[in-house]
Amino acid sequence: MKILHATSADDVDTAIAAHPRLLVDWHKDDCPACRMLDRSLAVFATTPEARGLVLLKVRLEMVGEACFRTMGLRQTPTLTIHRDGAEAARLPGFQSPAQLAAATAAAWASPPA
């Protein structure tokens, strides 16, 4: 799994447009659940389900609250799964590696919207 880091809202838009299989980790520094999710993502990255997937890490303190609001986010952490430039799934809160594997498999298996 390739990992990218957004430093602006433009980086987010560019990554969504450029990567057909994208998982976006919306997080902030002072969030305990975000740190737990980060560990879960590290485990998930070693699984077969993560092959060919790009993970974009978007930190609230870096891109600003306006970017989060534009995406309709209400909490951190939140993961969004993007398929061919469109949001295919939204996973609020902590997710285990097994939950990540199931959600990404379902997003790739379903027909595009």
N, C-alpha and C. Protein backbone atom coordinates (compact mmCIF):
# COMPACT_ATOMS: atom_id res chain seq x y z
N MET A 1 0.85 -1.17 0.00
CA MET A 1 0.00 0.00 0.00
C MET A 1 0.90 1.24 0.00
N LYS A 2 0.66 2.09 -0.95
CA LYS A 2 1.40 3.35 -1.05
C LYS A 2 0.75 4.38 -0.12
N ILE A 3 1.57 5.16 0.60
CA ILE A 3 1.04 6.16 1.54
C ILE A 3 1.45 7.55 1.08
N LEU A 4 0.46 8.44 0.97
CA LEU A 4 0.66 9.83 0.62
C LEU A 4 0.18 10.71 1.77
N HIS A 5 0.69 11.94 1.83
CA HIS A 5 0.28 12.89 2.86
C HIS A 5 -0.19 14.17 2.19
N ALA A 6 -1.39 14.61 2.53
CA ALA A 6 -1.93 15.85 1.98
C ALA A 6 -1.46 17.02 2.83
N THR A 7 -1.08 18.10 2.15
CA THR A 7 -0.72 19.32 2.87
C THR A 7 -1.69 20.45 2.55
N SER A 8 -2.65 20.18 1.66
CA SER A 8 -3.65 21.19 1.30
C SER A 8 -4.90 20.49 0.77
N ALA A 9 -5.98 21.26 0.68
CA ALA A 9 -7.22 20.73 0.09
C ALA A 9 -7.00 20.34 -1.36
N ASP A 10 -6.15 21.07 -2.06
CA ASP A 10 -5.83 20.73 -3.45
C ASP A 10 -5.18 19.36 -3.55
N ASP A 11 -4.32 19.02 -2.58
CA ASP A 11 -3.70 17.69 -2.56
C ASP A 11 -4.76 16.60 -2.46
N VAL A 12 -5.79 16.85 -1.66
CA VAL A 12 -6.87 15.88 -1.49
C VAL A 12 -7.59 15.68 -2.82
N ASP A 13 -7.98 16.78 -3.45
CA ASP A 13 -8.68 16.71 -4.73
C ASP A 13 -7.84 16.01 -5.80
N THR A 14 -6.56 16.33 -5.83
CA THR A 14 -5.66 15.72 -6.82
C THR A 14 -5.55 14.21 -6.60
N ALA A 15 -5.40 13.80 -5.35
CA ALA A 15 -5.27 12.37 -5.05
C ALA A 15 -6.55 11.61 -5.39
N ILE A 16 -7.70 12.19 -5.08
CA ILE A 16 -8.97 11.53 -5.39
C ILE A 16 -9.11 11.35 -6.90
N ALA A 17 -8.70 12.34 -7.67
CA ALA A 17 -8.81 12.26 -9.13
C ALA A 17 -7.76 11.31 -9.73
N ALA A 18 -6.59 11.22 -9.10
CA ALA A 18 -5.47 10.48 -9.69
C ALA A 18 -5.43 9.00 -9.35
N HIS A 19 -6.02 8.60 -8.24
CA HIS A 19 -5.87 7.21 -7.78
C HIS A 19 -7.22 6.49 -7.79
N PRO A 20 -7.37 5.47 -8.64
CA PRO A 20 -8.66 4.79 -8.75
C PRO A 20 -9.05 3.98 -7.51
N ARG A 21 -8.06 3.60 -6.71
CA ARG A 21 -8.34 2.85 -5.47
C ARG A 21 -7.67 3.60 -4.33
N LEU A 22 -8.45 4.47 -3.68
CA LEU A 22 -7.91 5.38 -2.68
C LEU A 22 -8.66 5.26 -1.36
N LEU A 23 -7.89 5.13 -0.29
CA LEU A 23 -8.42 5.15 1.07
C LEU A 23 -7.91 6.43 1.71
N VAL A 24 -8.81 7.28 2.21
CA VAL A 24 -8.41 8.55 2.81
C VAL A 24 -8.64 8.47 4.32
N ASP A 25 -7.57 8.74 5.07
CA ASP A 25 -7.59 8.74 6.53
C ASP A 25 -7.67 10.19 6.99
N TRP A 26 -8.85 10.62 7.43
CA TRP A 26 -9.09 11.97 7.94
C TRP A 26 -8.87 11.92 9.45
N HIS A 27 -7.86 12.63 9.96
CA HIS A 27 -7.50 12.53 11.37
C HIS A 27 -6.99 13.87 11.90
N LYS A 28 -6.77 13.89 13.23
CA LYS A 28 -6.13 15.05 13.84
C LYS A 28 -5.18 14.59 14.93
N ASP A 29 -4.29 15.48 15.32
CA ASP A 29 -3.20 15.13 16.23
C ASP A 29 -3.66 14.69 17.62
N ASP A 30 -4.62 15.39 18.21
CA ASP A 30 -4.98 15.14 19.61
C ASP A 30 -6.12 14.13 19.76
N CYS A 31 -6.21 13.17 18.87
CA CYS A 31 -7.32 12.23 18.84
C CYS A 31 -6.82 10.81 19.16
N PRO A 32 -7.14 10.28 20.34
CA PRO A 32 -6.69 8.93 20.70
C PRO A 32 -7.18 7.86 19.71
N ALA A 33 -8.43 7.97 19.26
CA ALA A 33 -8.95 6.97 18.31
C ALA A 33 -8.19 7.05 16.98
N CYS A 34 -7.72 8.24 16.62
CA CYS A 34 -6.94 8.40 15.39
C CYS A 34 -5.61 7.65 15.50
N ARG A 35 -4.99 7.71 16.66
CA ARG A 35 -3.73 6.99 16.87
C ARG A 35 -3.97 5.48 16.84
N MET A 36 -5.09 5.04 17.39
CA MET A 36 -5.42 3.61 17.34
C MET A 36 -5.68 3.18 15.90
N LEU A 37 -6.38 4.01 15.14
CA LEU A 37 -6.66 3.69 13.75
C LEU A 37 -5.37 3.64 12.94
N ASP A 38 -4.43 4.50 13.26
CA ASP A 38 -3.15 4.50 12.56
C ASP A 38 -2.45 3.15 12.72
N ARG A 39 -2.49 2.58 13.91
CA ARG A 39 -1.91 1.26 14.15
C ARG A 39 -2.67 0.19 13.36
N SER A 40 -3.98 0.31 13.32
CA SER A 40 -4.80 -0.63 12.57
C SER A 40 -4.48 -0.55 11.07
N LEU A 41 -4.31 0.66 10.56
CA LEU A 41 -3.95 0.83 9.15
C LEU A 41 -2.58 0.22 8.85
N ALA A 42 -1.65 0.31 9.79
CA ALA A 42 -0.32 -0.28 9.59
C ALA A 42 -0.43 -1.80 9.45
N VAL A 43 -1.28 -2.42 10.24
CA VAL A 43 -1.49 -3.87 10.13
C VAL A 43 -2.20 -4.19 8.82
N PHE A 44 -3.25 -3.43 8.50
CA PHE A 44 -4.00 -3.64 7.27
C PHE A 44 -3.09 -3.53 6.04
N ALA A 45 -2.13 -2.62 6.09
CA ALA A 45 -1.22 -2.40 4.95
C ALA A 45 -0.45 -3.65 4.56
N THR A 46 -0.30 -4.58 5.48
CA THR A 46 0.46 -5.81 5.21
C THR A 46 -0.41 -6.93 4.65
N THR A 47 -1.69 -6.70 4.49
CA THR A 47 -2.61 -7.75 4.03
C THR A 47 -2.76 -7.73 2.51
N PRO A 48 -3.19 -8.85 1.94
CA PRO A 48 -3.42 -8.90 0.49
C PRO A 48 -4.47 -7.89 0.02
N GLU A 49 -5.45 -7.58 0.85
CA GLU A 49 -6.51 -6.64 0.48
C GLU A 49 -5.98 -5.22 0.25
N ALA A 50 -4.82 -4.92 0.81
CA ALA A 50 -4.25 -3.58 0.69
C ALA A 50 -3.40 -3.41 -0.57
N ARG A 51 -3.13 -4.51 -1.28
CA ARG A 51 -2.31 -4.41 -2.50
C ARG A 51 -2.99 -3.51 -3.53
N GLY A 52 -2.21 -2.62 -4.12
CA GLY A 52 -2.73 -1.73 -5.15
C GLY A 52 -3.53 -0.56 -4.63
N LEU A 53 -3.64 -0.46 -3.32
CA LEU A 53 -4.41 0.61 -2.69
C LEU A 53 -3.48 1.76 -2.31
N VAL A 54 -3.97 2.98 -2.45
CA VAL A 54 -3.23 4.16 -2.03
C VAL A 54 -3.93 4.72 -0.79
N LEU A 55 -3.14 5.00 0.24
CA LEU A 55 -3.66 5.60 1.47
C LEU A 55 -3.23 7.06 1.49
N LEU A 56 -4.21 7.96 1.57
CA LEU A 56 -3.93 9.39 1.70
C LEU A 56 -4.23 9.79 3.14
N LYS A 57 -3.23 10.28 3.83
CA LYS A 57 -3.41 10.74 5.21
C LYS A 57 -3.65 12.24 5.19
N VAL A 58 -4.79 12.65 5.75
CA VAL A 58 -5.18 14.07 5.76
C VAL A 58 -5.35 14.50 7.21
N ARG A 59 -4.45 15.37 7.66
CA ARG A 59 -4.47 15.85 9.04
C ARG A 59 -5.20 17.19 9.11
N LEU A 60 -6.19 17.26 9.97
CA LEU A 60 -6.99 18.47 10.14
C LEU A 60 -6.12 19.70 10.36
N GLU A 61 -5.12 19.59 11.21
CA GLU A 61 -4.27 20.74 11.52
C GLU A 61 -3.49 21.22 10.29
N MET A 62 -3.30 20.35 9.32
CA MET A 62 -2.53 20.71 8.12
C MET A 62 -3.42 21.33 7.03
N VAL A 63 -4.58 20.73 6.77
CA VAL A 63 -5.42 21.18 5.65
C VAL A 63 -6.51 22.16 6.07
N GLY A 64 -6.83 22.21 7.34
CA GLY A 64 -7.82 23.15 7.85
C GLY A 64 -9.23 22.57 7.94
N GLU A 65 -10.01 23.16 8.81
CA GLU A 65 -11.37 22.69 9.05
C GLU A 65 -12.28 22.86 7.84
N ALA A 66 -12.04 23.88 7.02
CA ALA A 66 -12.89 24.10 5.84
C ALA A 66 -12.86 22.89 4.91
N CYS A 67 -11.70 22.29 4.74
CA CYS A 67 -11.58 21.10 3.90
C CYS A 67 -12.41 19.96 4.47
N PHE A 68 -12.34 19.76 5.77
CA PHE A 68 -13.11 18.70 6.43
C PHE A 68 -14.61 18.96 6.25
N ARG A 69 -15.04 20.20 6.45
CA ARG A 69 -16.46 20.54 6.31
C ARG A 69 -16.94 20.34 4.88
N THR A 70 -16.11 20.72 3.91
CA THR A 70 -16.47 20.54 2.50
C THR A 70 -16.73 19.07 2.19
N MET A 71 -15.99 18.19 2.83
CA MET A 71 -16.18 16.75 2.61
C MET A 71 -17.33 16.19 3.45
N GLY A 72 -17.96 17.03 4.28
CA GLY A 72 -19.08 16.57 5.09
C GLY A 72 -18.67 15.72 6.28
N LEU A 73 -17.44 15.89 6.75
CA LEU A 73 -16.95 15.08 7.88
C LEU A 73 -17.44 15.66 9.19
N ARG A 74 -17.83 14.77 10.08
CA ARG A 74 -18.35 15.20 11.38
C ARG A 74 -17.50 14.74 12.55
N GLN A 75 -16.58 13.82 12.29
CA GLN A 75 -15.75 13.32 13.38
C GLN A 75 -14.42 12.82 12.84
N THR A 76 -13.45 12.74 13.76
CA THR A 76 -12.20 12.08 13.45
C THR A 76 -12.06 10.93 14.45
N PRO A 77 -11.50 9.84 14.01
CA PRO A 77 -11.11 9.59 12.63
C PRO A 77 -12.31 9.21 11.77
N THR A 78 -12.15 9.45 10.49
CA THR A 78 -13.09 8.96 9.49
C THR A 78 -12.25 8.49 8.31
N LEU A 79 -12.62 7.36 7.76
CA LEU A 79 -11.99 6.88 6.54
C LEU A 79 -13.00 6.98 5.42
N THR A 80 -12.54 7.42 4.26
CA THR A 80 -13.39 7.39 3.07
C THR A 80 -12.69 6.54 2.03
N ILE A 81 -13.47 5.72 1.35
CA ILE A 81 -12.95 4.88 0.29
C ILE A 81 -13.43 5.48 -1.02
N HIS A 82 -12.49 5.75 -1.91
CA HIS A 82 -12.80 6.35 -3.20
C HIS A 82 -12.46 5.37 -4.31
N ARG A 83 -13.42 5.20 -5.19
CA ARG A 83 -13.24 4.31 -6.34
C ARG A 83 -13.44 5.14 -7.61
N ASP A 84 -12.39 5.20 -8.42
CA ASP A 84 -12.45 5.94 -9.68
C ASP A 84 -12.96 7.37 -9.49
N GLY A 85 -12.48 8.04 -8.42
CA GLY A 85 -12.80 9.43 -8.19
C GLY A 85 -14.08 9.71 -7.43
N ALA A 86 -14.85 8.67 -7.12
CA ALA A 86 -16.11 8.86 -6.38
C ALA A 86 -16.03 8.15 -5.03
N GLU A 87 -16.64 8.76 -4.03
CA GLU A 87 -16.67 8.13 -2.71
C GLU A 87 -17.56 6.89 -2.75
N ALA A 88 -16.98 5.75 -2.38
CA ALA A 88 -17.70 4.48 -2.40
C ALA A 88 -18.16 4.06 -1.01
N ALA A 89 -17.48 4.54 0.03
CA ALA A 89 -17.85 4.17 1.40
C ALA A 89 -17.25 5.18 2.37
N ARG A 90 -17.89 5.30 3.52
CA ARG A 90 -17.43 6.17 4.60
C ARG A 90 -17.46 5.36 5.88
N LEU A 91 -16.34 5.35 6.61
CA LEU A 91 -16.20 4.57 7.83
C LEU A 91 -15.81 5.50 8.98
N PRO A 92 -16.78 5.96 9.78
CA PRO A 92 -16.45 6.83 10.90
C PRO A 92 -15.94 6.03 12.10
N GLY A 93 -15.00 6.62 12.82
CA GLY A 93 -14.49 6.00 14.04
C GLY A 93 -13.42 4.97 13.77
N PHE A 94 -13.01 4.31 14.85
CA PHE A 94 -11.97 3.29 14.76
C PHE A 94 -12.46 2.11 13.94
N GLN A 95 -11.56 1.55 13.14
CA GLN A 95 -11.85 0.35 12.36
C GLN A 95 -10.70 -0.65 12.59
N SER A 96 -11.04 -1.90 12.80
CA SER A 96 -10.02 -2.93 12.96
C SER A 96 -9.47 -3.30 11.58
N PRO A 97 -8.31 -3.97 11.53
CA PRO A 97 -7.80 -4.41 10.23
C PRO A 97 -8.81 -5.28 9.47
N ALA A 98 -9.53 -6.14 10.18
CA ALA A 98 -10.54 -6.99 9.53
C ALA A 98 -11.68 -6.14 8.96
N GLN A 99 -12.10 -5.12 9.67
CA GLN A 99 -13.15 -4.23 9.16
C GLN A 99 -12.66 -3.46 7.93
N LEU A 100 -11.41 -3.05 7.94
CA LEU A 100 -10.84 -2.36 6.79
C LEU A 100 -10.80 -3.28 5.58
N ALA A 101 -10.39 -4.51 5.79
CA ALA A 101 -10.33 -5.48 4.69
C ALA A 101 -11.71 -5.73 4.11
N ALA A 102 -12.70 -5.90 4.97
CA ALA A 102 -14.07 -6.16 4.49
C ALA A 102 -14.62 -4.96 3.74
N ALA A 103 -14.41 -3.77 4.26
CA ALA A 103 -14.95 -2.55 3.63
C ALA A 103 -14.31 -2.28 2.28
N THR A 104 -12.99 -2.45 2.19
CA THR A 104 -12.33 -2.20 0.91
C THR A 104 -12.70 -3.28 -0.10
N ALA A 105 -12.80 -4.52 0.32
CA ALA A 105 -13.22 -5.59 -0.59
C ALA A 105 -14.61 -5.32 -1.13
N ALA A 106 -15.51 -4.89 -0.28
CA ALA A 106 -16.89 -4.59 -0.71
C ALA A 106 -16.91 -3.41 -1.68
N ALA A 107 -16.09 -2.41 -1.43
CA ALA A 107 -16.05 -1.23 -2.32
C ALA A 107 -15.53 -1.60 -3.71
N TRP A 108 -14.58 -2.50 -3.78
CA TRP A 108 -14.02 -2.88 -5.09
C TRP A 108 -14.93 -3.89 -5.79
N ALA A 109 -15.68 -4.67 -5.03
CA ALA A 109 -16.54 -5.69 -5.63
C ALA A 109 -17.83 -5.14 -6.19
N SER A 110 -18.34 -4.07 -5.58
CA SER A 110 -19.63 -3.54 -6.03
C SER A 110 -19.46 -2.78 -7.33
N PRO A 111 -20.52 -2.73 -8.16
CA PRO A 111 -20.41 -1.97 -9.40
C PRO A 111 -20.25 -0.48 -9.11
N PRO A 112 -19.50 0.24 -9.95
CA PRO A 112 -19.31 1.67 -9.68
C PRO A 112 -20.64 2.43 -9.76
N ALA A 113 -20.71 3.50 -8.99
CA ALA A 113 -21.94 4.31 -8.95
C ALA A 113 -22.12 5.11 -10.21
